[in-house]
Amino acid sequence: MSEVSNYLVLNENNEVVNIIVYDGVSAYDPGEGLSLEEHPKDGGQNYIPIEIGATKNEDGTFTNPEPVLPTE
């Protein structure tokens, strides 16, 4: 049996559009123009905080979107 893990669903602009739980083996198609990437973990095997809307950088790291603060 395969171990399930979090996977990032990326669009063609390398933006995270969803985060799913997937075994990495079963047949799955995220959809046209989308790809999957295993959610990165730190040295302690904890998921690195990556949010929907984050962008994957050329060096493989991710930049989360700026928080939207309420306006008066």
PDB file of N, CA and C in Angstrom:
ATOM      1  N   MET A   1       0.835  -1.182   0.000  1.00  0.00           N
ATOM      2  CA  MET A   1       0.000   0.000   0.000  1.00  0.00           C
ATOM      3  C   MET A   1       0.877   1.241   0.000  1.00  0.00           C
ATOM      4  N   SER A   2       0.503   2.217  -0.802  1.00  0.00           N
ATOM      5  CA  SER A   2       1.266   3.455  -0.915  1.00  0.00           C
ATOM      6  C   SER A   2       0.941   4.398   0.237  1.00  0.00           C
ATOM      7  N   GLU A   3       1.916   5.217   0.577  1.00  0.00           N
ATOM      8  CA  GLU A   3       1.717   6.201   1.627  1.00  0.00           C
ATOM      9  C   GLU A   3       1.105   7.463   1.022  1.00  0.00           C
ATOM     10  N   VAL A   4       0.042   7.950   1.625  1.00  0.00           N
ATOM     11  CA  VAL A   4      -0.570   9.169   1.119  1.00  0.00           C
ATOM     12  C   VAL A   4       0.210  10.381   1.617  1.00  0.00           C
ATOM     13  N   SER A   5       0.142  11.433   0.847  1.00  0.00           N
ATOM     14  CA  SER A   5       0.871  12.657   1.148  1.00  0.00           C
ATOM     15  C   SER A   5       0.101  13.823   0.564  1.00  0.00           C
ATOM     16  N   ASN A   6       0.441  15.015   0.979  1.00  0.00           N
ATOM     17  CA  ASN A   6      -0.141  16.201   0.358  1.00  0.00           C
ATOM     18  C   ASN A   6       0.581  16.473  -0.958  1.00  0.00           C
ATOM     19  N   TYR A   7      -0.190  16.849  -1.956  1.00  0.00           N
ATOM     20  CA  TYR A   7       0.356  17.244  -3.251  1.00  0.00           C
ATOM     21  C   TYR A   7      -0.182  18.616  -3.607  1.00  0.00           C
ATOM     22  N   LEU A   8       0.660  19.400  -4.256  1.00  0.00           N
ATOM     23  CA  LEU A   8       0.272  20.714  -4.746  1.00  0.00           C
ATOM     24  C   LEU A   8      -0.193  20.565  -6.183  1.00  0.00           C
ATOM     25  N   VAL A   9      -1.293  21.219  -6.517  1.00  0.00           N
ATOM     26  CA  VAL A   9      -1.776  21.271  -7.894  1.00  0.00           C
ATOM     27  C   VAL A   9      -1.352  22.635  -8.435  1.00  0.00           C
ATOM     28  N   LEU A  10      -0.522  22.612  -9.483  1.00  0.00           N
ATOM     29  CA  LEU A  10       0.022  23.839 -10.067  1.00  0.00           C
ATOM     30  C   LEU A  10      -0.588  24.085 -11.439  1.00  0.00           C
ATOM     31  N   ASN A  11      -0.842  25.365 -11.750  1.00  0.00           N
ATOM     32  CA  ASN A  11      -1.296  25.703 -13.096  1.00  0.00           C
ATOM     33  C   ASN A  11      -0.089  25.989 -13.988  1.00  0.00           C
ATOM     34  N   GLU A  12      -0.352  26.385 -15.224  1.00  0.00           N
ATOM     35  CA  GLU A  12       0.734  26.608 -16.189  1.00  0.00           C
ATOM     36  C   GLU A  12       1.630  27.783 -15.820  1.00  0.00           C
ATOM     37  N   ASN A  13       1.195  28.628 -14.861  1.00  0.00           N
ATOM     38  CA  ASN A  13       2.020  29.747 -14.396  1.00  0.00           C
ATOM     39  C   ASN A  13       2.763  29.419 -13.107  1.00  0.00           C
ATOM     40  N   ASN A  14       2.807  28.120 -12.745  1.00  0.00           N
ATOM     41  CA  ASN A  14       3.453  27.644 -11.518  1.00  0.00           C
ATOM     42  C   ASN A  14       2.833  28.233 -10.259  1.00  0.00           C
ATOM     43  N   GLU A  15       1.509  28.482 -10.303  1.00  0.00           N
ATOM     44  CA  GLU A  15       0.777  28.960  -9.139  1.00  0.00           C
ATOM     45  C   GLU A  15       0.021  27.787  -8.523  1.00  0.00           C
ATOM     46  N   VAL A  16       0.023  27.715  -7.199  1.00  0.00           N
ATOM     47  CA  VAL A  16      -0.699  26.657  -6.497  1.00  0.00           C
ATOM     48  C   VAL A  16      -2.189  26.993  -6.539  1.00  0.00           C
ATOM     49  N   VAL A  17      -2.968  26.089  -7.149  1.00  0.00           N
ATOM     50  CA  VAL A  17      -4.411  26.311  -7.253  1.00  0.00           C
ATOM     51  C   VAL A  17      -5.199  25.383  -6.335  1.00  0.00           C
ATOM     52  N   ASN A  18      -4.534  24.354  -5.781  1.00  0.00           N
ATOM     53  CA  ASN A  18      -5.189  23.447  -4.854  1.00  0.00           C
ATOM     54  C   ASN A  18      -4.125  22.617  -4.151  1.00  0.00           C
ATOM     55  N   ILE A  19      -4.482  22.067  -3.000  1.00  0.00           N
ATOM     56  CA  ILE A  19      -3.629  21.139  -2.265  1.00  0.00           C
ATOM     57  C   ILE A  19      -4.499  19.922  -1.979  1.00  0.00           C
ATOM     58  N   ILE A  20      -4.011  18.740  -2.385  1.00  0.00           N
ATOM     59  CA  ILE A  20      -4.813  17.528  -2.255  1.00  0.00           C
ATOM     60  C   ILE A  20      -4.047  16.455  -1.486  1.00  0.00           C
ATOM     61  N   VAL A  21      -4.762  15.456  -1.014  1.00  0.00           N
ATOM     62  CA  VAL A  21      -4.154  14.266  -0.423  1.00  0.00           C
ATOM     63  C   VAL A  21      -4.212  13.189  -1.494  1.00  0.00           C
ATOM     64  N   TYR A  22      -3.054  12.584  -1.782  1.00  0.00           N
ATOM     65  CA  TYR A  22      -2.941  11.647  -2.905  1.00  0.00           C
ATOM     66  C   TYR A  22      -1.857  10.635  -2.581  1.00  0.00           C
ATOM     67  N   ASP A  23      -2.021   9.416  -3.087  1.00  0.00           N
ATOM     68  CA  ASP A  23      -1.007   8.382  -2.813  1.00  0.00           C
ATOM     69  C   ASP A  23       0.166   8.417  -3.786  1.00  0.00           C
ATOM     70  N   GLY A  24       0.092   9.239  -4.823  1.00  0.00           N
ATOM     71  CA  GLY A  24       1.197   9.367  -5.767  1.00  0.00           C
ATOM     72  C   GLY A  24       1.327   8.223  -6.750  1.00  0.00           C
ATOM     73  N   VAL A  25       0.436   7.216  -6.658  1.00  0.00           N
ATOM     74  CA  VAL A  25       0.541   6.041  -7.507  1.00  0.00           C
ATOM     75  C   VAL A  25      -0.736   5.807  -8.313  1.00  0.00           C
ATOM     76  N   SER A  26      -1.875   5.932  -7.675  1.00  0.00           N
ATOM     77  CA  SER A  26      -3.156   5.688  -8.345  1.00  0.00           C
ATOM     78  C   SER A  26      -3.322   6.627  -9.535  1.00  0.00           C
ATOM     79  N   ALA A  27      -4.066   6.152 -10.531  1.00  0.00           N
ATOM     80  CA  ALA A  27      -4.333   6.985 -11.704  1.00  0.00           C
ATOM     81  C   ALA A  27      -5.080   8.246 -11.277  1.00  0.00           C
ATOM     82  N   TYR A  28      -4.553   9.395 -11.673  1.00  0.00           N
ATOM     83  CA  TYR A  28      -5.181  10.679 -11.354  1.00  0.00           C
ATOM     84  C   TYR A  28      -4.708  11.702 -12.372  1.00  0.00           C
ATOM     85  N   ASP A  29      -5.629  12.444 -12.912  1.00  0.00           N
ATOM     86  CA  ASP A  29      -5.320  13.511 -13.860  1.00  0.00           C
ATOM     87  C   ASP A  29      -5.851  14.802 -13.259  1.00  0.00           C
ATOM     88  N   PRO A  30      -4.973  15.745 -12.905  1.00  0.00           N
ATOM     89  CA  PRO A  30      -5.436  16.979 -12.274  1.00  0.00           C
ATOM     90  C   PRO A  30      -6.224  17.891 -13.223  1.00  0.00           C
ATOM     91  N   GLY A  31      -6.128  17.640 -14.505  1.00  0.00           N
ATOM     92  CA  GLY A  31      -6.862  18.448 -15.482  1.00  0.00           C
ATOM     93  C   GLY A  31      -5.918  19.115 -16.462  1.00  0.00           C
ATOM     94  N   GLU A  32      -6.494  19.607 -17.530  1.00  0.00           N
ATOM     95  CA  GLU A  32      -5.707  20.242 -18.584  1.00  0.00           C
ATOM     96  C   GLU A  32      -4.971  21.469 -18.056  1.00  0.00           C
ATOM     97  N   GLY A  33      -3.680  21.533 -18.346  1.00  0.00           N
ATOM     98  CA  GLY A  33      -2.857  22.673 -17.949  1.00  0.00           C
ATOM     99  C   GLY A  33      -2.413  22.635 -16.497  1.00  0.00           C
ATOM    100  N   LEU A  34      -2.745  21.542 -15.778  1.00  0.00           N
ATOM    101  CA  LEU A  34      -2.381  21.433 -14.370  1.00  0.00           C
ATOM    102  C   LEU A  34      -1.377  20.304 -14.174  1.00  0.00           C
ATOM    103  N   SER A  35      -0.565  20.428 -13.129  1.00  0.00           N
ATOM    104  CA  SER A  35       0.397  19.382 -12.802  1.00  0.00           C
ATOM    105  C   SER A  35       0.425  19.186 -11.292  1.00  0.00           C
ATOM    106  N   LEU A  36       0.982  18.057 -10.873  1.00  0.00           N
ATOM    107  CA  LEU A  36       1.098  17.742  -9.450  1.00  0.00           C
ATOM    108  C   LEU A  36       2.552  17.768  -9.018  1.00  0.00           C
ATOM    109  N   GLU A  37       2.746  18.188  -7.785  1.00  0.00           N
ATOM    110  CA  GLU A  37       4.079  18.145  -7.182  1.00  0.00           C
ATOM    111  C   GLU A  37       3.901  17.811  -5.707  1.00  0.00           C
ATOM    112  N   GLU A  38       4.695  16.880  -5.213  1.00  0.00           N
ATOM    113  CA  GLU A  38       4.585  16.530  -3.795  1.00  0.00           C
ATOM    114  C   GLU A  38       4.884  17.758  -2.937  1.00  0.00           C
ATOM    115  N   HIS A  39       4.071  17.957  -1.923  1.00  0.00           N
ATOM    116  CA  HIS A  39       4.234  19.094  -1.013  1.00  0.00           C
ATOM    117  C   HIS A  39       5.567  18.941  -0.281  1.00  0.00           C
ATOM    118  N   PRO A  40       6.472  19.911  -0.397  1.00  0.00           N
ATOM    119  CA  PRO A  40       7.787  19.795   0.240  1.00  0.00           C
ATOM    120  C   PRO A  40       7.678  19.745   1.769  1.00  0.00           C
ATOM    121  N   LYS A  41       8.639  19.023   2.366  1.00  0.00           N
ATOM    122  CA  LYS A  41       8.721  18.914   3.818  1.00  0.00           C
ATOM    123  C   LYS A  41      10.064  19.445   4.289  1.00  0.00           C
ATOM    124  N   ASP A  42      10.109  19.867   5.552  1.00  0.00           N
ATOM    125  CA  ASP A  42      11.374  20.317   6.128  1.00  0.00           C
ATOM    126  C   ASP A  42      12.148  19.107   6.649  1.00  0.00           C
ATOM    127  N   GLY A  43      13.283  19.336   7.283  1.00  0.00           N
ATOM    128  CA  GLY A  43      14.119  18.254   7.791  1.00  0.00           C
ATOM    129  C   GLY A  43      13.434  17.395   8.839  1.00  0.00           C
ATOM    130  N   GLY A  44      12.444  17.964   9.536  1.00  0.00           N
ATOM    131  CA  GLY A  44      11.699  17.216  10.535  1.00  0.00           C
ATOM    132  C   GLY A  44      10.481  16.521   9.960  1.00  0.00           C
ATOM    133  N   GLN A  45      10.382  16.520   8.630  1.00  0.00           N
ATOM    134  CA  GLN A  45       9.280  15.884   7.900  1.00  0.00           C
ATOM    135  C   GLN A  45       7.933  16.561   8.126  1.00  0.00           C
ATOM    136  N   ASN A  46       7.964  17.847   8.443  1.00  0.00           N
ATOM    137  CA  ASN A  46       6.743  18.647   8.538  1.00  0.00           C
ATOM    138  C   ASN A  46       6.555  19.388   7.212  1.00  0.00           C
ATOM    139  N   TYR A  47       5.305  19.531   6.801  1.00  0.00           N
ATOM    140  CA  TYR A  47       5.055  20.253   5.558  1.00  0.00           C
ATOM    141  C   TYR A  47       5.492  21.709   5.689  1.00  0.00           C
ATOM    142  N   ILE A  48       6.191  22.197   4.680  1.00  0.00           N
ATOM    143  CA  ILE A  48       6.560  23.602   4.623  1.00  0.00           C
ATOM    144  C   ILE A  48       5.280  24.380   4.319  1.00  0.00           C
ATOM    145  N   PRO A  49       4.991  25.458   5.048  1.00  0.00           N
ATOM    146  CA  PRO A  49       3.744  26.195   4.820  1.00  0.00           C
ATOM    147  C   PRO A  49       3.686  26.798   3.408  1.00  0.00           C
ATOM    148  N   ILE A  50       2.813  26.253   2.603  1.00  0.00           N
ATOM    149  CA  ILE A  50       2.573  26.745   1.252  1.00  0.00           C
ATOM    150  C   ILE A  50       1.072  26.918   1.104  1.00  0.00           C
ATOM    151  N   GLU A  51       0.662  28.084   0.641  1.00  0.00           N
ATOM    152  CA  GLU A  51      -0.756  28.404   0.542  1.00  0.00           C
ATOM    153  C   GLU A  51      -1.237  28.347  -0.905  1.00  0.00           C
ATOM    154  N   ILE A  52      -2.542  28.173  -1.061  1.00  0.00           N
ATOM    155  CA  ILE A  52      -3.133  28.320  -2.383  1.00  0.00           C
ATOM    156  C   ILE A  52      -2.867  29.755  -2.825  1.00  0.00           C
ATOM    157  N   GLY A  53      -2.420  29.922  -4.052  1.00  0.00           N
ATOM    158  CA  GLY A  53      -2.028  31.235  -4.564  1.00  0.00           C
ATOM    159  C   GLY A  53      -0.531  31.454  -4.539  1.00  0.00           C
ATOM    160  N   ALA A  54       0.216  30.543  -3.877  1.00  0.00           N
ATOM    161  CA  ALA A  54       1.679  30.650  -3.862  1.00  0.00           C
ATOM    162  C   ALA A  54       2.219  30.406  -5.263  1.00  0.00           C
ATOM    163  N   THR A  55       3.407  30.912  -5.523  1.00  0.00           N
ATOM    164  CA  THR A  55       4.069  30.738  -6.817  1.00  0.00           C
ATOM    165  C   THR A  55       5.357  29.959  -6.613  1.00  0.00           C
ATOM    166  N   LYS A  56       5.581  28.960  -7.479  1.00  0.00           N
ATOM    167  CA  LYS A  56       6.832  28.195  -7.436  1.00  0.00           C
ATOM    168  C   LYS A  56       7.900  29.002  -8.163  1.00  0.00           C
ATOM    169  N   ASN A  57       9.020  29.215  -7.497  1.00  0.00           N
ATOM    170  CA  ASN A  57      10.137  29.963  -8.059  1.00  0.00           C
ATOM    171  C   ASN A  57      11.049  29.037  -8.858  1.00  0.00           C
ATOM    172  N   GLU A  58      11.925  29.626  -9.668  1.00  0.00           N
ATOM    173  CA  GLU A  58      12.844  28.842 -10.496  1.00  0.00           C
ATOM    174  C   GLU A  58      13.745  27.929  -9.679  1.00  0.00           C
ATOM    175  N   ASP A  59      14.065  28.337  -8.431  1.00  0.00           N
ATOM    176  CA  ASP A  59      14.949  27.514  -7.595  1.00  0.00           C
ATOM    177  C   ASP A  59      14.202  26.413  -6.843  1.00  0.00           C
ATOM    178  N   GLY A  60      12.881  26.274  -7.096  1.00  0.00           N
ATOM    179  CA  GLY A  60      12.093  25.223  -6.464  1.00  0.00           C
ATOM    180  C   GLY A  60      11.414  25.630  -5.173  1.00  0.00           C
ATOM    181  N   THR A  61      11.747  26.810  -4.661  1.00  0.00           N
ATOM    182  CA  THR A  61      11.063  27.308  -3.464  1.00  0.00           C
ATOM    183  C   THR A  61       9.719  27.920  -3.856  1.00  0.00           C
ATOM    184  N   PHE A  62       8.910  28.233  -2.866  1.00  0.00           N
ATOM    185  CA  PHE A  62       7.604  28.828  -3.119  1.00  0.00           C
ATOM    186  C   PHE A  62       7.484  30.170  -2.408  1.00  0.00           C
ATOM    187  N   THR A  63       6.801  31.112  -3.044  1.00  0.00           N
ATOM    188  CA  THR A  63       6.503  32.397  -2.439  1.00  0.00           C
ATOM    189  C   THR A  63       5.001  32.467  -2.232  1.00  0.00           C
ATOM    190  N   ASN A  64       4.596  32.575  -0.953  1.00  0.00           N
ATOM    191  CA  ASN A  64       3.185  32.696  -0.635  1.00  0.00           C
ATOM    192  C   ASN A  64       2.673  34.084  -0.998  1.00  0.00           C
ATOM    193  N   PRO A  65       1.384  34.198  -1.291  1.00  0.00           N
ATOM    194  CA  PRO A  65       0.835  35.513  -1.614  1.00  0.00           C
ATOM    195  C   PRO A  65       0.863  36.426  -0.394  1.00  0.00           C
ATOM    196  N   GLU A  66       0.902  37.714  -0.647  1.00  0.00           N
ATOM    197  CA  GLU A  66       0.837  38.692   0.441  1.00  0.00           C
ATOM    198  C   GLU A  66      -0.536  38.610   1.085  1.00  0.00           C
ATOM    199  N   PRO A  67      -0.601  38.707   2.421  1.00  0.00           N
ATOM    200  CA  PRO A  67      -1.914  38.664   3.064  1.00  0.00           C
ATOM    201  C   PRO A  67      -2.750  39.884   2.680  1.00  0.00           C
ATOM    202  N   VAL A  68      -4.040  39.655   2.572  1.00  0.00           N
ATOM    203  CA  VAL A  68      -4.963  40.756   2.269  1.00  0.00           C
ATOM    204  C   VAL A  68      -5.511  41.241   3.595  1.00  0.00           C
ATOM    205  N   LEU A  69      -5.221  42.485   3.921  1.00  0.00           N
ATOM    206  CA  LEU A  69      -5.678  43.058   5.168  1.00  0.00           C
ATOM    207  C   LEU A  69      -6.992  43.803   4.939  1.00  0.00           C
ATOM    208  N   PRO A  70      -7.898  43.717   5.893  1.00  0.00           N
ATOM    209  CA  PRO A  70      -9.171  44.434   5.732  1.00  0.00           C
ATOM    210  C   PRO A  70      -8.948  45.940   5.701  1.00  0.00           C
ATOM    211  N   THR A  71      -9.727  46.602   4.903  1.00  0.00           N
ATOM    212  CA  THR A  71      -9.662  48.060   4.837  1.00  0.00           C
ATOM    213  C   THR A  71     -10.905  48.631   5.505  1.00  0.00           C
ATOM    214  N   GLU A  72     -10.767  49.846   5.966  1.00  0.00           N
ATOM    215  CA  GLU A  72     -11.906  50.482   6.644  1.00  0.00           C
ATOM    216  C   GLU A  72     -12.869  51.049   5.648  1.00  0.00           C
TER     217      GLU A  72
END
